[in-house]
C-alpha atoms as a PDB file:
ATOM      1  CA  MET A   1       0.400  -0.329  -0.064  1.00  0.00           C
ATOM      2  CA  ALA A   2       2.921   2.128   0.851  1.00  0.00           C
ATOM      3  CA  ASP A   3       4.369   1.951  -2.607  1.00  0.00           C
ATOM      4  CA  LEU A   4       0.827   2.515  -4.026  1.00  0.00           C
ATOM      5  CA  GLY A   5       0.839   6.035  -2.079  1.00  0.00           C
ATOM      6  CA  LEU A   6      -1.954   4.264   0.453  1.00  0.00           C
ATOM      7  CA  LEU A   7      -0.353   4.425   3.418  1.00  0.00           C
ATOM      8  CA  PRO A   8       3.456   6.800   4.562  1.00  0.00           C
ATOM      9  CA  SER A   9       6.205   6.203   2.594  1.00  0.00           C
ATOM     10  CA  VAL A  10       8.386   5.171   6.219  1.00  0.00           C
ATOM     11  CA  PHE A  11       5.581   1.289   5.630  1.00  0.00           C
ATOM     12  CA  ASP A  12       7.800   0.471   2.344  1.00  0.00           C
ATOM     13  CA  SER A  13      10.931   0.710   4.800  1.00  0.00           C
ATOM     14  CA  HIS A  14      13.357  -2.855   3.953  1.00  0.00           C
ATOM     15  CA  ALA A  15      15.193  -4.637   5.527  1.00  0.00           C
ATOM     16  CA  THR A  16      18.837  -4.849   3.934  1.00  0.00           C
ATOM     17  CA  ARG A  17      19.312  -8.304   4.693  1.00  0.00           C
ATOM     18  CA  THR A  18      16.314 -10.212   3.669  1.00  0.00           C
ATOM     19  CA  GLY A  19      14.536  -7.355   2.497  1.00  0.00           C
ATOM     20  CA  THR A  20      11.212  -7.244   4.061  1.00  0.00           C
ATOM     21  CA  PRO A  21       8.653  -4.459   5.170  1.00  0.00           C
ATOM     22  CA  TRP A  22       9.787  -4.339   8.388  1.00  0.00           C
ATOM     23  CA  VAL A  23       7.806  -1.504   8.998  1.00  0.00           C
ATOM     24  CA  ALA A  24       4.905  -2.940   7.759  1.00  0.00           C
ATOM     25  CA  ILE A  25       5.440  -6.566   9.124  1.00  0.00           C
ATOM     26  CA  THR A  26       5.885  -4.489  12.900  1.00  0.00           C
ATOM     27  CA  ALA A  27       2.262  -2.923  12.723  1.00  0.00           C
ATOM     28  CA  SER A  28       0.479  -5.697  11.278  1.00  0.00           C
ATOM     29  CA  THR A  29       1.711  -7.480  13.443  1.00  0.00           C
ATOM     30  CA  ALA A  30       1.079  -5.354  16.759  1.00  0.00           C
ATOM     31  CA  ILE A  31      -2.756  -4.706  14.572  1.00  0.00           C
ATOM     32  CA  THR A  32      -2.850  -8.759  15.708  1.00  0.00           C
ATOM     33  CA  ILE A  33      -1.724  -8.747  19.277  1.00  0.00           C
ATOM     34  CA  VAL A  34      -3.977  -5.441  20.066  1.00  0.00           C
ATOM     35  CA  VAL A  35      -7.614  -8.187  18.521  1.00  0.00           C
ATOM     36  CA  SER A  36      -5.755 -11.658  19.918  1.00  0.00           C
ATOM     37  CA  PHE A  37      -7.825 -11.357  23.007  1.00  0.00           C
ATOM     38  CA  LEU A  38     -10.395 -12.549  20.747  1.00  0.00           C
ATOM     39  CA  GLY A  39     -11.892 -16.197  20.788  1.00  0.00           C
ATOM     40  CA  PHE A  40     -11.238 -17.540  17.885  1.00  0.00           C
ATOM     41  CA  ASP A  41     -15.037 -17.976  16.464  1.00  0.00           C
ATOM     42  CA  ASN A  42     -15.207 -14.151  16.413  1.00  0.00           C
ATOM     43  CA  ILE A  43     -12.064 -13.091  14.588  1.00  0.00           C
ATOM     44  CA  ILE A  44     -12.815 -16.583  11.870  1.00  0.00           C
ATOM     45  CA  ALA A  45     -17.107 -15.030  11.799  1.00  0.00           C
ATOM     46  CA  THR A  46     -15.290 -10.762  11.571  1.00  0.00           C
ATOM     47  CA  SER A  47     -13.128 -11.654   9.107  1.00  0.00           C
ATOM     48  CA  ASN A  48     -16.602 -13.508   7.121  1.00  0.00           C
ATOM     49  CA  PHE A  49     -18.509 -11.166   8.235  1.00  0.00           C
ATOM     50  CA  LEU A  50     -16.208  -8.693   6.280  1.00  0.00           C
ATOM     51  CA  TYR A  51     -15.538  -9.918   3.317  1.00  0.00           C
ATOM     52  CA  SER A  52     -18.850 -10.574   2.410  1.00  0.00           C
ATOM     53  CA  MET A  53     -19.732  -7.481   3.156  1.00  0.00           C
ATOM     54  CA  GLY A  54     -16.829  -6.461   0.322  1.00  0.00           C
ATOM     55  CA  THR A  55     -18.030  -8.841  -1.188  1.00  0.00           C
ATOM     56  CA  LEU A  56     -21.264  -7.224  -1.444  1.00  0.00           C
ATOM     57  CA  LEU A  57     -20.462  -4.006  -2.459  1.00  0.00           C
ATOM     58  CA  GLU A  58     -18.351  -4.971  -4.746  1.00  0.00           C
ATOM     59  CA  PHE A  59     -21.454  -6.839  -6.488  1.00  0.00           C
ATOM     60  CA  SER A  60     -23.635  -3.239  -5.685  1.00  0.00           C
ATOM     61  CA  SER A  61     -20.493  -1.200  -7.984  1.00  0.00           C
ATOM     62  CA  PHE A  62     -20.274  -3.858 -10.137  1.00  0.00           C
ATOM     63  CA  LEU A  63     -24.309  -3.449 -11.307  1.00  0.00           C
ATOM     64  CA  TRP A  64     -24.472  -0.029 -10.801  1.00  0.00           C
ATOM     65  CA  LEU A  65     -21.617   0.608 -12.727  1.00  0.00           C
ATOM     66  CA  ARG A  66     -23.277  -1.235 -15.308  1.00  0.00           C
ATOM     67  CA  VAL A  67     -26.499   1.289 -15.028  1.00  0.00           C
ATOM     68  CA  LYS A  68     -24.640   4.373 -14.727  1.00  0.00           C
ATOM     69  CA  TYR A  69     -22.260   3.654 -17.742  1.00  0.00           C
ATOM     70  CA  PRO A  70     -22.570   0.731 -20.160  1.00  0.00           C
ATOM     71  CA  THR A  71     -19.991   1.900 -22.920  1.00  0.00           C
ATOM     72  CA  LEU A  72     -17.597   2.790 -20.386  1.00  0.00           C
ATOM     73  CA  LYS A  73     -14.105   1.141 -21.287  1.00  0.00           C
ATOM     74  CA  ARG A  74     -12.916  -1.795 -19.160  1.00  0.00           C
ATOM     75  CA  PRO A  75     -10.749  -4.312 -19.348  1.00  0.00           C
ATOM     76  CA  TYR A  76     -13.032  -7.266 -18.848  1.00  0.00           C
ATOM     77  CA  HIS A  77     -16.445  -6.896 -20.359  1.00  0.00           C
ATOM     78  CA  VAL A  78     -19.125  -9.796 -19.160  1.00  0.00           C
ATOM     79  CA  PRO A  79     -21.741  -9.556 -22.003  1.00  0.00           C
ATOM     80  CA  LEU A  80     -25.032 -10.269 -20.581  1.00  0.00           C
ATOM     81  CA  PRO A  81     -27.966  -8.088 -20.396  1.00  0.00           C
ATOM     82  CA  LEU A  82     -28.674  -6.315 -16.878  1.00  0.00           C
ATOM     83  CA  PRO A  83     -31.448  -9.078 -15.909  1.00  0.00           C
ATOM     84  CA  ALA A  84     -28.960 -11.964 -16.374  1.00  0.00           C
ATOM     85  CA  LEU A  85     -25.863  -9.877 -14.487  1.00  0.00           C
ATOM     86  CA  MET A  86     -28.281  -9.199 -11.431  1.00  0.00           C
ATOM     87  CA  ALA A  87     -29.747 -12.799 -11.563  1.00  0.00           C
ATOM     88  CA  MET A  88     -25.982 -13.743 -12.035  1.00  0.00           C
ATOM     89  CA  CYS A  89     -25.564 -11.722  -8.640  1.00  0.00           C
ATOM     90  CA  ILE A  90     -28.439 -13.060  -6.732  1.00  0.00           C
ATOM     91  CA  VAL A  91     -26.935 -16.111  -5.798  1.00  0.00           C
ATOM     92  CA  PRO A  92     -23.894 -15.147  -3.929  1.00  0.00           C
ATOM     93  CA  SER A  93     -25.440 -12.394  -2.950  1.00  0.00           C
ATOM     94  CA  VAL A  94     -28.464 -14.462  -0.871  1.00  0.00           C
ATOM     95  CA  PHE A  95     -25.612 -16.681   0.774  1.00  0.00           C
ATOM     96  CA  LEU A  96     -23.268 -13.721   1.696  1.00  0.00           C
ATOM     97  CA  SER A  97     -26.144 -11.576   3.530  1.00  0.00           C
ATOM     98  CA  TYR A  98     -26.785 -14.981   5.211  1.00  0.00           C
ATOM     99  CA  VAL A  99     -23.819 -14.410   6.564  1.00  0.00           C
ATOM    100  CA  CYS A 100     -23.742 -11.619   7.607  1.00  0.00           C
ATOM    101  CA  VAL A 101     -27.098 -12.521   8.881  1.00  0.00           C
ATOM    102  CA  VAL A 102     -26.248 -14.676  11.064  1.00  0.00           C
ATOM    103  CA  ALA A 103     -23.291 -12.725  12.385  1.00  0.00           C
ATOM    104  CA  GLY A 104     -24.188 -11.960  16.669  1.00  0.00           C
ATOM    105  CA  TRP A 105     -23.812  -8.716  18.343  1.00  0.00           C
ATOM    106  CA  ARG A 106     -19.935  -9.091  19.270  1.00  0.00           C
ATOM    107  CA  VAL A 107     -18.828  -9.863  15.671  1.00  0.00           C
ATOM    108  CA  PHE A 108     -21.528  -6.779  14.575  1.00  0.00           C
ATOM    109  CA  THR A 109     -19.629  -4.151  16.931  1.00  0.00           C
ATOM    110  CA  ILE A 110     -15.839  -5.641  15.571  1.00  0.00           C
ATOM    111  CA  ALA A 111     -17.255  -4.666  12.442  1.00  0.00           C
ATOM    112  CA  ALA A 112     -18.856  -1.209  12.897  1.00  0.00           C
ATOM    113  CA  GLY A 113     -15.529  -0.054  15.293  1.00  0.00           C
ATOM    114  CA  LEU A 114     -12.720  -1.649  11.967  1.00  0.00           C
ATOM    115  CA  THR A 115     -15.278   0.011   9.642  1.00  0.00           C
ATOM    116  CA  ALA A 116     -14.577   3.102  11.470  1.00  0.00           C
ATOM    117  CA  LEU A 117     -10.816   2.595  12.068  1.00  0.00           C
ATOM    118  CA  ALA A 118     -10.120   2.010   8.714  1.00  0.00           C
ATOM    119  CA  VAL A 119     -12.124   5.188   7.137  1.00  0.00           C
ATOM    120  CA  GLY A 120     -10.650   7.662  10.370  1.00  0.00           C
ATOM    121  CA  TRP A 121      -7.434   6.382   9.175  1.00  0.00           C
ATOM    122  CA  HIS A 122      -8.001   6.679   4.989  1.00  0.00           C
ATOM    123  CA  GLY A 123      -9.324  10.453   6.723  1.00  0.00           C
ATOM    124  CA  LEU A 124      -5.832  10.780   8.336  1.00  0.00           C
ATOM    125  CA  MET A 125      -4.339   9.561   5.631  1.00  0.00           C
ATOM    126  CA  ARG A 126      -5.651  12.444   3.392  1.00  0.00           C
ATOM    127  CA  LEU A 127      -4.793  15.121   5.670  1.00  0.00           C
ATOM    128  CA  CYS A 128      -0.939  14.072   6.502  1.00  0.00           C
ATOM    129  CA  SER A 129      -0.885  14.069   2.967  1.00  0.00           C
ATOM    130  CA  SER A 130      -2.440  17.063   2.496  1.00  0.00           C
ATOM    131  CA  LYS A 131      -1.118  19.103   4.314  1.00  0.00           C
ATOM    132  CA  LYS A 132       2.814  17.266   3.672  1.00  0.00           C
ATOM    133  CA  LEU A 133       2.654  16.003   7.001  1.00  0.00           C
ATOM    134  CA  LEU A 134       4.323  12.486   5.905  1.00  0.00           C
ATOM    135  CA  SER A 135       5.468  11.773   3.080  1.00  0.00           C
ATOM    136  CA  PHE A 136       3.901   9.524   0.553  1.00  0.00           C
ATOM    137  CA  ARG A 137       5.003   7.679  -2.342  1.00  0.00           C
ATOM    138  CA  VAL A 138       3.092   8.829  -5.488  1.00  0.00           C
ATOM    139  CA  PRO A 139       2.725   6.685  -8.001  1.00  0.00           C
ATOM    140  CA  GLU A 140       3.473   6.302 -11.327  1.00  0.00           C
ATOM    141  CA  SER A 141       0.748   6.386 -13.883  1.00  0.00           C
ATOM    142  CA  SER A 142       0.246   3.324 -16.033  1.00  0.00           C
ATOM    143  CA  GLY A 143      -0.563   5.284 -19.733  1.00  0.00           C
END
């Protein structure tokens, strides 16, 4: 993410001997230790819940872009009309929705907290980037 300019450049620091991104690994380890108080079942349920929500967001974005910008140039095109695309997304969406519905209050709370943390982190990184408080890599354009 530091390579893409989404995290400060410090997360791109690599160890000279092994070439591993040691700052990113240390931050990831710290986050893992913080959430280690949860039971394994809650960690798995929260992971499945967040994955399901992300996939539902992808499906809705896919359909919204097809409706809003049907002629948009894209690398891949599913050659189906909109009703067929909606039908294609219905079956997995039902299963994903089921995963979200059966999650308990603890999973909802954890997922809401992680989502709020991610949105806040994104805002903080944008602020730090705009105020030049931290250095960010500018990704090379692929054009």
